[in-house]
Structure formats: structure tokens, C-alpha cells
Amino acid sequence: MSYPKPWLSLDQQLERLQVRGLVVSDRDKALTYLHRIGYYRLSGYWFALRERSGLCCVLAQPRQSKQKTKVETIALDTFKPGATFENAVHLYVFDKQLRLLVMDALERVEVALRVDVAHTLGKLDPFAYLRADLFHDTFSKEVGKDSGLTKHHEWLTKHALLIGRSKEEFVTHNKTKYGLPLAIWVACEVWDFGALSTLFAGMREAEQDAIAAKYGVSNGRVFATWLRSLNYLRNVCAHHSRLWNRNMVDQPKLPPVSEMPWVLPFANNAHALARCFLLLCLLRHLLGVINPTSSWSGRVKKHLKTFPNLDHLGLNLASMGAGDAWAEQLGADATDQ
């Protein structure tokens, strides 16, 4: 299998960028960044600095006489005037700190939700996660066309892998003293966010609603989409992927504005719904319940104010889905950790 792109030395990589119009003021420092971070990872940050070209597409509308014209933009190889290698590095550093802040919040949310799920299901049965009858039919009875298994069976397979490969002392202790299976309040401590969000999505509506209500969300199905979105967010951060202007594939559903007024700026705003600022606000909301004295939102606001000055390139916090009143949307600052 042939591959059209040749291997390039670091010097050749930098020369290619300069030929395409990226300004490099300190060649030695740029080469150091290429060596330490890598061309491909940094390319995700200078991608936003590239020129765009409008492309008109005629979209045929089924059963309609009128046609719609859609204008799409494609990134060119050349860079916008004034774009520098340092701009891309500053975006990278900003994004790295943003991911660290997000992971801090996600850890607290994950730990708290493990307790919520284990406590709610454990009240029904210490081994509730094994009982198909304690979950929604779509999770416990419907068989997948490709796998031939229910989602519950698939989840139990992942659960068994997590238990089997765990080296935690509490797992070894419980296995030795009580044997398998582990009680849910023990087993939940080895679940990752994916296992947690999947199990929650499969719970019956009554149990979902009970947990969601704790966080001010009346509909547990809406809350399930929050957890799925946060799991996607967690995977982005855990793999050190670009976050600040990423299109969030798993988007959360919003509760009614009457129930949660802070969602109003996001309602019917496709761009804001598809960017990470919504998830920052969502995390702020959850932390307000889990740890009301947390200063996390204050630290996020302080960090967002450090966004590189790239207005001349058309880049700002709006690329993250943040509106003009973004600071107010993140809520009041707390004074504690």
C-alpha cells in the first residue's frame, strides 16, 4: 500500500510551514516545539490559522420544488496574514491547561455519581447490576443485530474485564473474604466513566429520575445524555486531544429553561450546543451540587481570560461556544478549593 506523504525532517517540516505563510520568529524554539510536541499534534492548533475558501453546494430537497444553497468553508494550505508559529503554541498551552481543569471537575463528578448509582441500585439488591429485571427493557431485553447480545450483557462483559484486571487491594480483599460477585458499592469503584454512564443509561426511569433530581434535572433521560457527553469529554481530555474549539460529537440534551434558566443562551444555538463551553457550564452546575464551596468555576473564568489575543485572525472565545456574557454563565465564584 503506497502512502503519498514523505517523511520530513524537523527542518523540512518548519520550512513547509514557512512556505505556506506561517511566520516563525524564533527558528530554534520552533524546532524545539516540533521535537517535543510533534508536527501532527500541533497541526490541530495551526489548522485554525489557515485561510478558508467558500464552497457553494446546491442541496436537493426531497419532495420540494425549491433547492437550497449551502456555503461550506474548506481550509487551504496557506495561512492567514499575520499567523505565527507562536500563535499555535499559545493555543496549545491554553488548551492543555483547559483540559487539566476539566479533568479536575470530571474526577469529582465521576466519584460522586458512582456513589449515587451504587447507593440507588444497592438499595434494591447488593448485586443489582447482575439482575436484568432491575433495568430498562431496551437495555436488558433488546438484542443487538450485530452482537446478538443485549446492552446489559455487553456491559457485564466490560465490567468483568475491569474487575479481572484490577490490582486494587480492596478488590483482592473482597474476592478473598467474600468471593465473587462483588457488591455494587465495591464493584463501582473500578468502573470508568464509560461503564458508569452506560449503566445509568440502562437504568429504569424511576431510578434515573431519582438520581437526576438530586442535580435539579427532573428527567433522568436528559441527565443520561449529560453523562454520555461528559464521558466523551473525558475521553478527549484523557487522550490529550484538542478541546477548545472541538465539535462535540455527543451533545447533551437541555432541560426546559423554566427548570434551569442558565441553559437559555444555548437553546436553539447549534454552534453553542456543539462546543465545549456548554459542557463547562454543565460541569459548573454539577459541582454546585457536589461541592458548593468549590472555586472551580472561578479558576476556569480566570483561565479563559488568558485566551491568546488572536482577534486579528478571527479567533476568540466564541470559537468555544462562549457568548458575550460567558463569565456570568459560569456563575459566581466560591472562596474554597
Protein backbone atom coordinates (compact mmCIF):
# COMPACT_ATOMS: atom_id res chain seq x y z
CA MET A 1 0.00 0.00 0.00
CA SER A 2 1.57 3.28 -1.10
CA TYR A 3 1.42 6.42 1.04
CA PRO A 4 1.80 9.73 -0.79
CA LYS A 5 3.25 11.83 2.05
CA PRO A 6 7.03 11.52 2.53
CA TRP A 7 8.91 11.57 5.82
CA LEU A 8 10.20 15.07 6.58
CA SER A 9 12.95 16.17 8.94
CA LEU A 10 12.07 18.81 11.54
CA ASP A 11 13.83 21.44 9.44
CA GLN A 12 11.81 20.41 6.39
CA GLN A 13 8.58 20.50 8.40
CA LEU A 14 9.31 24.05 9.53
CA GLU A 15 10.28 25.12 6.02
CA ARG A 16 7.00 23.77 4.68
CA LEU A 17 5.07 25.86 7.22
CA GLN A 18 7.04 28.98 6.32
CA VAL A 19 6.49 28.44 2.59
CA ARG A 20 2.76 28.29 3.30
CA GLY A 21 2.91 31.66 5.10
CA LEU A 22 3.28 30.80 8.79
CA VAL A 23 5.59 33.35 10.42
CA VAL A 24 8.41 31.85 12.51
CA SER A 25 10.22 34.46 14.59
CA ASP A 26 12.42 32.06 16.59
CA ARG A 27 13.52 29.11 14.49
CA ASP A 28 15.38 27.26 17.26
CA LYS A 29 12.43 27.47 19.63
CA ALA A 30 10.04 26.34 16.90
CA LEU A 31 12.22 23.31 16.20
CA THR A 32 12.22 22.50 19.92
CA TYR A 33 8.40 22.52 19.98
CA LEU A 34 8.26 20.31 16.89
CA HIS A 35 10.65 17.89 18.55
CA ARG A 36 8.83 17.87 21.90
CA ILE A 37 5.17 18.03 20.82
CA GLY A 38 5.21 16.88 17.22
CA TYR A 39 4.07 18.34 13.90
CA TYR A 40 0.83 16.36 13.76
CA ARG A 41 -0.38 17.33 17.25
CA LEU A 42 0.47 20.99 16.73
CA SER A 43 -1.25 20.94 13.36
CA GLY A 44 -4.58 20.76 15.19
CA TYR A 45 -3.83 24.21 16.57
CA TRP A 46 -2.46 25.91 13.48
CA PHE A 47 -5.37 24.48 11.48
CA ALA A 48 -7.47 27.35 12.85
CA LEU A 49 -4.86 29.79 11.49
CA ARG A 50 -5.23 28.64 7.88
CA GLU A 51 -7.03 30.52 5.13
CA ARG A 52 -10.57 29.49 4.31
CA SER A 53 -12.33 29.27 0.96
CA GLY A 54 -16.08 29.37 0.50
CA LEU A 55 -17.59 26.47 -1.39
CA CYS A 56 -21.19 26.62 -2.56
CA CYS A 57 -23.18 23.41 -2.68
CA VAL A 58 -26.68 23.00 -4.08
CA LEU A 59 -28.70 20.73 -1.83
CA ALA A 60 -31.67 18.93 -3.32
CA GLN A 61 -34.67 18.91 -1.02
CA PRO A 62 -36.80 15.73 -1.26
CA ARG A 63 -40.44 16.35 -2.17
CA GLN A 64 -39.78 20.07 -2.51
CA SER A 65 -39.51 22.14 -5.65
CA LYS A 66 -37.02 24.58 -4.18
CA GLN A 67 -33.34 23.92 -3.80
CA LYS A 68 -31.14 25.23 -1.03
CA THR A 69 -27.64 26.56 -1.41
CA LYS A 70 -25.23 25.78 1.39
CA VAL A 71 -21.94 27.59 1.77
CA GLU A 72 -19.18 25.49 3.28
CA THR A 73 -15.68 26.60 4.11
CA ILE A 74 -12.64 24.47 3.44
CA ALA A 75 -9.20 25.03 4.91
CA LEU A 76 -6.49 25.95 2.42
CA ASP A 77 -2.83 25.08 2.79
CA THR A 78 -1.89 28.75 3.14
CA PHE A 79 -2.05 30.64 6.42
CA LYS A 80 -3.90 33.85 7.23
CA PRO A 81 -1.79 37.02 7.11
CA GLY A 82 -0.12 37.60 10.47
CA ALA A 83 -0.44 33.98 11.65
CA THR A 84 2.61 32.84 13.59
CA PHE A 85 4.03 29.59 14.90
CA GLU A 86 3.84 31.13 18.37
CA ASN A 87 0.06 31.62 17.93
CA ALA A 88 -0.34 27.87 17.52
CA VAL A 89 1.86 27.15 20.55
CA HIS A 90 -0.10 29.60 22.69
CA LEU A 91 -3.34 27.88 21.68
CA TYR A 92 -1.78 24.53 22.55
CA VAL A 93 -0.71 25.72 26.01
CA PHE A 94 -4.13 27.30 26.64
CA ASP A 95 -5.86 24.08 25.60
CA LYS A 96 -3.61 21.94 27.78
CA GLN A 97 -4.50 23.93 30.90
CA LEU A 98 -8.17 23.84 29.93
CA ARG A 99 -8.06 20.04 29.77
CA LEU A 100 -6.43 19.85 33.20
CA LEU A 101 -9.22 21.98 34.69
CA VAL A 102 -11.85 19.82 33.02
CA MET A 103 -10.28 16.61 34.30
CA ASP A 104 -10.28 18.04 37.82
CA ALA A 105 -14.04 18.59 37.63
CA LEU A 106 -14.73 15.28 35.90
CA GLU A 107 -12.97 13.36 38.67
CA ARG A 108 -15.27 14.86 41.29
CA VAL A 109 -18.36 14.24 39.18
CA GLU A 110 -17.39 10.64 38.41
CA VAL A 111 -16.72 9.79 42.06
CA ALA A 112 -19.99 11.36 43.23
CA LEU A 113 -22.05 9.62 40.55
CA ARG A 114 -20.54 6.25 41.39
CA VAL A 115 -21.91 6.70 44.88
CA ASP A 116 -25.31 7.82 43.56
CA VAL A 117 -25.70 4.82 41.25
CA ALA A 118 -24.34 2.26 43.72
CA HIS A 119 -26.47 3.61 46.57
CA THR A 120 -29.65 3.71 44.47
CA LEU A 121 -29.25 0.26 42.94
CA GLY A 122 -27.72 -1.27 46.06
CA LYS A 123 -30.89 -0.48 47.97
CA LEU A 124 -32.72 -2.82 45.57
CA ASP A 125 -30.10 -5.58 45.70
CA PRO A 126 -26.40 -5.67 46.67
CA PHE A 127 -25.80 -7.33 43.28
CA ALA A 128 -28.35 -5.27 41.33
CA TYR A 129 -26.02 -4.76 38.38
CA LEU A 130 -26.36 -8.51 37.61
CA ARG A 131 -30.15 -8.50 37.55
CA ALA A 132 -31.66 -7.78 34.13
CA ASP A 133 -35.08 -7.25 35.70
CA LEU A 134 -33.84 -4.15 37.51
CA PHE A 135 -33.03 -2.36 34.24
CA HIS A 136 -34.97 -0.89 31.35
CA ASP A 137 -36.15 -3.33 28.69
CA THR A 138 -34.15 -1.59 25.94
CA PHE A 139 -31.01 -2.31 27.98
CA SER A 140 -31.81 -5.75 29.34
CA LYS A 141 -34.00 -7.45 26.72
CA GLU A 142 -33.40 -6.00 23.25
CA VAL A 143 -30.76 -7.97 21.36
CA GLY A 144 -28.27 -6.16 19.14
CA LYS A 145 -28.39 -7.07 15.45
CA ASP A 146 -24.62 -7.30 15.16
CA SER A 147 -23.59 -8.73 18.52
CA GLY A 148 -26.57 -10.92 19.32
CA LEU A 149 -26.29 -9.66 22.89
CA THR A 150 -28.26 -7.24 24.99
CA LYS A 151 -26.57 -4.00 26.08
CA HIS A 152 -26.69 -5.41 29.61
CA HIS A 153 -24.69 -8.46 28.52
CA GLU A 154 -22.17 -6.24 26.77
CA TRP A 155 -21.88 -4.04 29.84
CA LEU A 156 -21.33 -7.09 32.09
CA THR A 157 -18.52 -8.21 29.79
CA LYS A 158 -16.76 -4.88 30.24
CA HIS A 159 -17.47 -4.94 33.98
CA ALA A 160 -15.89 -8.39 34.26
CA LEU A 161 -12.77 -7.16 32.43
CA LEU A 162 -12.45 -4.19 34.80
CA ILE A 163 -12.79 -6.46 37.83
CA GLY A 164 -10.44 -9.08 36.41
CA ARG A 165 -7.58 -6.72 35.65
CA SER A 166 -7.92 -4.58 38.79
CA LYS A 167 -4.92 -4.65 41.13
CA GLU A 168 -6.66 -2.63 43.84
CA GLU A 169 -6.20 -4.04 47.35
CA PHE A 170 -9.89 -3.63 48.19
CA VAL A 171 -10.81 -5.81 45.20
CA THR A 172 -8.35 -8.53 46.24
CA HIS A 173 -9.58 -8.34 49.84
CA ASN A 174 -13.25 -8.69 48.89
CA LYS A 175 -12.53 -11.52 46.48
CA THR A 176 -10.60 -13.39 49.18
CA LYS A 177 -13.03 -12.79 52.03
CA TYR A 178 -16.41 -12.80 50.29
CA GLY A 179 -15.73 -14.19 46.82
CA LEU A 180 -17.35 -13.06 43.60
CA PRO A 181 -19.51 -11.27 42.57
CA LEU A 182 -18.60 -8.07 44.37
CA ALA A 183 -21.31 -5.99 46.00
CA ILE A 184 -22.20 -2.99 43.86
CA TRP A 185 -20.77 -0.48 46.35
CA VAL A 186 -17.42 -2.23 45.98
CA ALA A 187 -17.62 -3.00 42.26
CA CYS A 188 -18.49 0.59 41.33
CA GLU A 189 -15.03 1.75 42.40
CA VAL A 190 -13.43 0.08 39.38
CA TRP A 191 -15.90 1.44 36.83
CA ASP A 192 -14.62 4.05 34.42
CA PHE A 193 -16.81 6.93 33.26
CA GLY A 194 -17.90 4.95 30.22
CA ALA A 195 -19.12 2.00 32.29
CA LEU A 196 -20.84 4.37 34.70
CA SER A 197 -22.65 6.39 32.02
CA THR A 198 -23.69 3.25 30.12
CA LEU A 199 -25.15 1.63 33.22
CA PHE A 200 -27.02 4.80 34.13
CA ALA A 201 -28.49 4.97 30.62
CA GLY A 202 -29.80 1.44 31.09
CA MET A 203 -31.47 2.05 34.43
CA ARG A 204 -35.22 2.20 34.85
CA GLU A 205 -36.80 5.63 34.65
CA ALA A 206 -37.72 5.75 38.35
CA GLU A 207 -34.12 5.24 39.46
CA GLN A 208 -32.80 7.58 36.77
CA ASP A 209 -35.20 10.31 37.82
CA ALA A 210 -34.31 9.91 41.48
CA ILE A 211 -30.62 10.49 40.81
CA ALA A 212 -31.18 13.26 38.27
CA ALA A 213 -33.46 15.12 40.70
CA LYS A 214 -30.55 15.44 43.10
CA TYR A 215 -28.90 17.64 40.47
CA GLY A 216 -32.01 19.65 39.66
CA VAL A 217 -32.90 17.72 36.50
CA SER A 218 -36.40 16.24 36.54
CA ASN A 219 -35.92 13.97 33.52
CA GLY A 220 -33.42 11.17 34.01
CA ARG A 221 -33.18 10.55 30.26
CA VAL A 222 -31.93 14.09 29.79
CA PHE A 223 -29.45 13.51 32.60
CA ALA A 224 -28.27 10.33 30.86
CA THR A 225 -27.26 12.43 27.83
CA TRP A 226 -25.27 14.67 30.18
CA LEU A 227 -23.27 11.68 31.37
CA ARG A 228 -22.72 10.42 27.83
CA SER A 229 -21.43 13.86 26.80
CA LEU A 230 -19.17 14.05 29.83
CA ASN A 231 -17.78 10.63 29.01
CA TYR A 232 -16.93 11.89 25.51
CA LEU A 233 -15.35 14.97 27.07
CA ARG A 234 -13.36 12.80 29.45
CA ASN A 235 -12.02 10.72 26.55
CA VAL A 236 -10.96 13.85 24.67
CA CYS A 237 -9.06 15.13 27.70
CA ALA A 238 -7.59 11.75 28.69
CA HIS A 239 -6.10 11.33 25.21
CA HIS A 240 -4.69 14.88 25.26
CA SER A 241 -6.75 15.80 22.21
CA ARG A 242 -7.64 19.32 21.11
CA LEU A 243 -10.61 20.63 23.10
CA TRP A 244 -11.04 24.40 22.89
CA ASN A 245 -12.84 24.58 19.51
CA ARG A 246 -13.69 20.92 19.06
CA ASN A 247 -17.01 19.85 17.59
CA MET A 248 -18.53 17.82 20.44
CA VAL A 249 -20.00 14.71 18.82
CA ASP A 250 -22.03 13.61 21.85
CA GLN A 251 -24.10 16.67 22.70
CA PRO A 252 -26.25 16.78 25.84
CA LYS A 253 -29.96 17.45 25.76
CA LEU A 254 -31.10 20.55 27.61
CA PRO A 255 -33.75 20.63 30.32
CA PRO A 256 -36.53 23.23 29.99
CA VAL A 257 -35.41 26.82 30.54
CA SER A 258 -38.10 27.09 33.22
CA GLU A 259 -36.33 24.31 35.13
CA MET A 260 -32.78 25.52 34.54
CA PRO A 261 -32.56 29.16 33.36
CA TRP A 262 -28.82 29.02 32.64
CA VAL A 263 -29.43 26.88 29.51
CA LEU A 264 -31.27 29.73 27.72
CA PRO A 265 -28.22 31.04 25.75
CA PHE A 266 -27.63 27.54 24.39
CA ALA A 267 -31.19 26.73 23.35
CA ASN A 268 -31.62 26.68 19.56
CA ASN A 269 -27.97 27.71 19.13
CA ALA A 270 -26.36 24.97 17.05
CA HIS A 271 -22.84 26.36 17.39
CA ALA A 272 -23.02 26.74 21.18
CA LEU A 273 -24.54 23.26 21.56
CA ALA A 274 -21.62 21.75 19.64
CA ARG A 275 -18.78 23.39 21.59
CA CYS A 276 -17.14 22.71 24.92
CA PHE A 277 -18.29 25.86 26.74
CA LEU A 278 -21.70 24.27 27.26
CA LEU A 279 -20.02 21.33 28.98
CA LEU A 280 -18.02 23.72 31.18
CA CYS A 281 -21.30 25.25 32.31
CA LEU A 282 -22.75 21.79 32.82
CA LEU A 283 -19.78 20.81 34.99
CA ARG A 284 -20.15 24.03 36.96
CA HIS A 285 -23.79 23.13 37.61
CA LEU A 286 -22.95 19.62 38.81
CA LEU A 287 -20.13 20.83 41.05
CA GLY A 288 -22.53 23.31 42.58
CA VAL A 289 -24.36 20.29 44.00
CA ILE A 290 -21.37 18.05 44.69
CA ASN A 291 -19.14 20.69 46.23
CA PRO A 292 -20.90 24.07 46.63
CA THR A 293 -17.74 25.69 48.05
CA SER A 294 -15.58 24.78 45.07
CA SER A 295 -13.80 27.61 43.29
CA TRP A 296 -13.53 25.58 40.10
CA SER A 297 -15.68 27.95 38.04
CA GLY A 298 -13.57 30.86 39.25
CA ARG A 299 -10.40 29.11 38.12
CA VAL A 300 -11.99 28.37 34.75
CA LYS A 301 -13.00 32.01 34.31
CA LYS A 302 -9.50 33.15 35.24
CA HIS A 303 -8.06 30.78 32.67
CA LEU A 304 -10.47 31.76 29.88
CA LYS A 305 -9.33 35.35 30.31
CA THR A 306 -5.85 34.21 29.27
CA PHE A 307 -7.05 33.16 25.82
CA PRO A 308 -4.43 34.36 23.31
CA ASN A 309 -5.13 37.65 21.58
CA LEU A 310 -5.99 36.35 18.12
CA ASP A 311 -8.74 38.74 17.10
CA HIS A 312 -6.71 39.67 14.01
CA LEU A 313 -7.13 36.05 12.91
CA GLY A 314 -10.83 35.92 13.76
CA LEU A 315 -10.31 33.67 16.77
CA ASN A 316 -11.68 34.26 20.26
CA LEU A 317 -13.76 32.56 22.96
CA ALA A 318 -16.74 32.44 20.60
CA SER A 319 -14.93 29.54 18.92
CA MET A 320 -15.56 27.63 22.16
CA GLY A 321 -19.27 28.47 22.08
CA ALA A 322 -18.98 31.22 24.68
CA GLY A 323 -21.19 34.28 24.29
CA ASP A 324 -20.57 37.84 25.41
CA ALA A 325 -21.85 37.06 28.91
CA TRP A 326 -19.75 33.92 29.32
CA ALA A 327 -18.38 34.92 32.74
CA GLU A 328 -21.89 35.29 34.17
CA GLN A 329 -22.86 31.92 32.67
CA LEU A 330 -20.13 30.24 34.69
CA GLY A 331 -21.72 31.51 37.88
CA ALA A 332 -20.46 33.23 40.99
CA ASP A 333 -17.04 32.41 42.40
CA ALA A 334 -16.67 30.40 45.58
CA THR A 335 -13.95 31.01 48.13
CA ASP A 336 -12.86 27.44 48.82
CA GLN A 337 -10.78 24.87 46.93
